[in-house]
Amino acid sequence: GHAVQSLVREVADHNVRITVTDRDLPSLQKAAEKLRGLRNLSFALLDVSEDPRAYGFGSASFEAVITVNAIRSAEDCDAAVRHLKDLLTDNGALILTEPGLLGSPFTALTMGVFDSHAT
């Protein structure tokens, strides 16, 4: 989606290796088309509900993992977070973003107390 494309474009020229994943091949192909020409970029299938090793990812192979709408679509959210944490090096960062939840009752309940998020 747009959030992933914006993030990748921001960091692509900063001498970092980026792997864009999706659990759906057509979505992954669409992302590859939109991000064509950027350096240090690869694409791979990954369903966070499953063990990443089944997709060829090794443990402790990333310094940072950033997700966009991946956890809420997982069958088992706890397992998905465990799988993502397994991908991280010892001091790695896991950043979970779920912008699709901005209009949810949960967001209204938890963020509605702040003036900038009042509905």
Protein backbone atom coordinates (compact mmCIF):
# COMPACT_ATOMS: atom_id res chain seq x y z
CA GLY A 1 0.00 0.00 0.00
CA HIS A 2 0.84 3.66 0.05
CA ALA A 3 2.40 3.58 3.53
CA VAL A 4 4.90 0.90 2.54
CA GLN A 5 5.82 2.66 -0.69
CA SER A 6 6.42 5.96 1.11
CA LEU A 7 8.62 4.33 3.72
CA VAL A 8 10.65 2.36 1.18
CA ARG A 9 11.21 5.44 -0.98
CA GLU A 10 12.44 7.40 2.06
CA VAL A 11 15.09 4.88 3.12
CA ALA A 12 16.03 3.22 -0.17
CA ASP A 13 18.97 5.52 -0.88
CA HIS A 14 20.48 5.30 2.60
CA ASN A 15 22.65 2.24 1.99
CA VAL A 16 20.26 -0.17 3.68
CA ARG A 17 18.95 -3.47 2.40
CA ILE A 18 15.16 -3.62 2.30
CA THR A 19 13.03 -6.72 1.85
CA VAL A 20 9.39 -6.01 1.04
CA THR A 21 7.09 -8.90 1.86
CA ASP A 22 3.44 -9.74 1.45
CA ARG A 23 1.47 -12.91 1.96
CA ASP A 24 -0.27 -12.44 -1.39
CA LEU A 25 1.71 -12.85 -4.64
CA PRO A 26 -0.39 -10.42 -6.74
CA SER A 27 0.03 -7.71 -4.08
CA LEU A 28 3.75 -8.37 -3.94
CA GLN A 29 4.02 -8.12 -7.72
CA LYS A 30 2.08 -4.85 -7.68
CA ALA A 31 4.48 -3.44 -5.07
CA ALA A 32 7.48 -4.56 -7.12
CA GLU A 33 6.10 -2.75 -10.15
CA LYS A 34 5.50 0.47 -8.22
CA LEU A 35 8.94 0.39 -6.59
CA ARG A 36 10.89 -0.62 -9.69
CA GLY A 37 14.26 1.06 -10.00
CA LEU A 38 14.97 1.56 -6.30
CA ARG A 39 18.31 0.28 -5.02
CA ASN A 40 18.94 -2.40 -2.39
CA LEU A 41 15.40 -3.70 -2.63
CA SER A 42 14.15 -7.28 -2.78
CA PHE A 43 10.70 -8.86 -2.63
CA ALA A 44 9.57 -12.08 -0.97
CA LEU A 45 6.42 -13.88 0.05
CA LEU A 46 5.82 -14.07 3.80
CA ASP A 47 2.74 -14.84 5.84
CA VAL A 48 3.50 -13.70 9.39
CA SER A 49 1.05 -16.30 10.69
CA GLU A 50 3.57 -18.96 9.68
CA ASP A 51 7.19 -19.64 10.60
CA PRO A 52 9.39 -17.34 8.46
CA ARG A 53 11.91 -20.17 8.02
CA ALA A 54 9.33 -21.89 5.80
CA TYR A 55 9.79 -18.93 3.44
CA GLY A 56 13.58 -19.02 3.52
CA PHE A 57 14.13 -16.37 6.19
CA GLY A 58 16.69 -17.12 8.88
CA SER A 59 16.50 -16.26 12.55
CA ALA A 60 18.19 -13.01 13.56
CA SER A 61 18.55 -11.89 9.95
CA PHE A 62 17.14 -8.34 10.21
CA GLU A 63 18.08 -5.31 12.30
CA ALA A 64 14.60 -3.88 11.93
CA VAL A 65 11.20 -5.22 10.93
CA ILE A 66 8.45 -2.76 10.13
CA THR A 67 4.96 -4.04 9.45
CA VAL A 68 1.95 -2.28 7.96
CA ASN A 69 -1.41 -3.96 8.58
CA ALA A 70 0.22 -7.36 9.00
CA ILE A 71 -0.75 -8.23 12.55
CA ARG A 72 -4.48 -7.58 12.32
CA SER A 73 -4.70 -9.88 9.31
CA ALA A 74 -2.87 -12.73 11.06
CA GLU A 75 -4.87 -15.72 12.26
CA ASP A 76 -2.88 -15.78 15.52
CA CYS A 77 -1.56 -12.32 16.45
CA ASP A 78 0.65 -13.62 19.26
CA ALA A 79 2.30 -16.17 16.96
CA ALA A 80 2.76 -13.51 14.28
CA VAL A 81 4.61 -11.23 16.70
CA ARG A 82 6.77 -14.16 17.86
CA HIS A 83 7.62 -14.97 14.24
CA LEU A 84 8.57 -11.37 13.53
CA LYS A 85 10.68 -11.14 16.69
CA ASP A 86 12.53 -14.28 15.60
CA LEU A 87 13.66 -12.43 12.46
CA LEU A 88 15.39 -9.74 14.56
CA THR A 89 19.00 -9.54 15.67
CA ASP A 90 19.56 -9.25 19.44
CA ASN A 91 19.23 -5.46 19.41
CA GLY A 92 16.76 -5.33 16.53
CA ALA A 93 13.68 -3.11 16.40
CA LEU A 94 10.15 -4.32 15.75
CA ILE A 95 7.75 -1.60 14.61
CA LEU A 96 4.14 -2.64 14.19
CA THR A 97 1.82 -0.22 12.41
CA GLU A 98 -1.85 -0.77 11.86
CA PRO A 99 -3.15 2.37 10.13
CA GLY A 100 -6.21 0.47 8.94
CA LEU A 101 -7.48 0.52 12.51
CA LEU A 102 -7.71 4.32 12.72
CA GLY A 103 -11.48 4.29 12.37
CA SER A 104 -12.07 1.32 14.67
CA PRO A 105 -13.90 1.45 18.02
CA PHE A 106 -10.63 0.34 19.67
CA THR A 107 -8.81 3.37 18.30
CA ALA A 108 -11.63 5.70 19.30
CA LEU A 109 -11.56 4.24 22.80
CA THR A 110 -7.79 4.37 23.28
CA MET A 111 -6.85 7.46 21.25
CA GLY A 112 -10.07 9.45 21.70
CA VAL A 113 -8.76 10.80 24.98
CA PHE A 114 -6.23 12.94 23.08
CA ASP A 115 -7.45 16.18 21.49
CA SER A 116 -5.61 15.47 18.23
CA HIS A 117 -7.45 12.14 17.82
CA ALA A 118 -10.90 13.08 19.03
CA THR A 119 -13.74 11.84 16.86
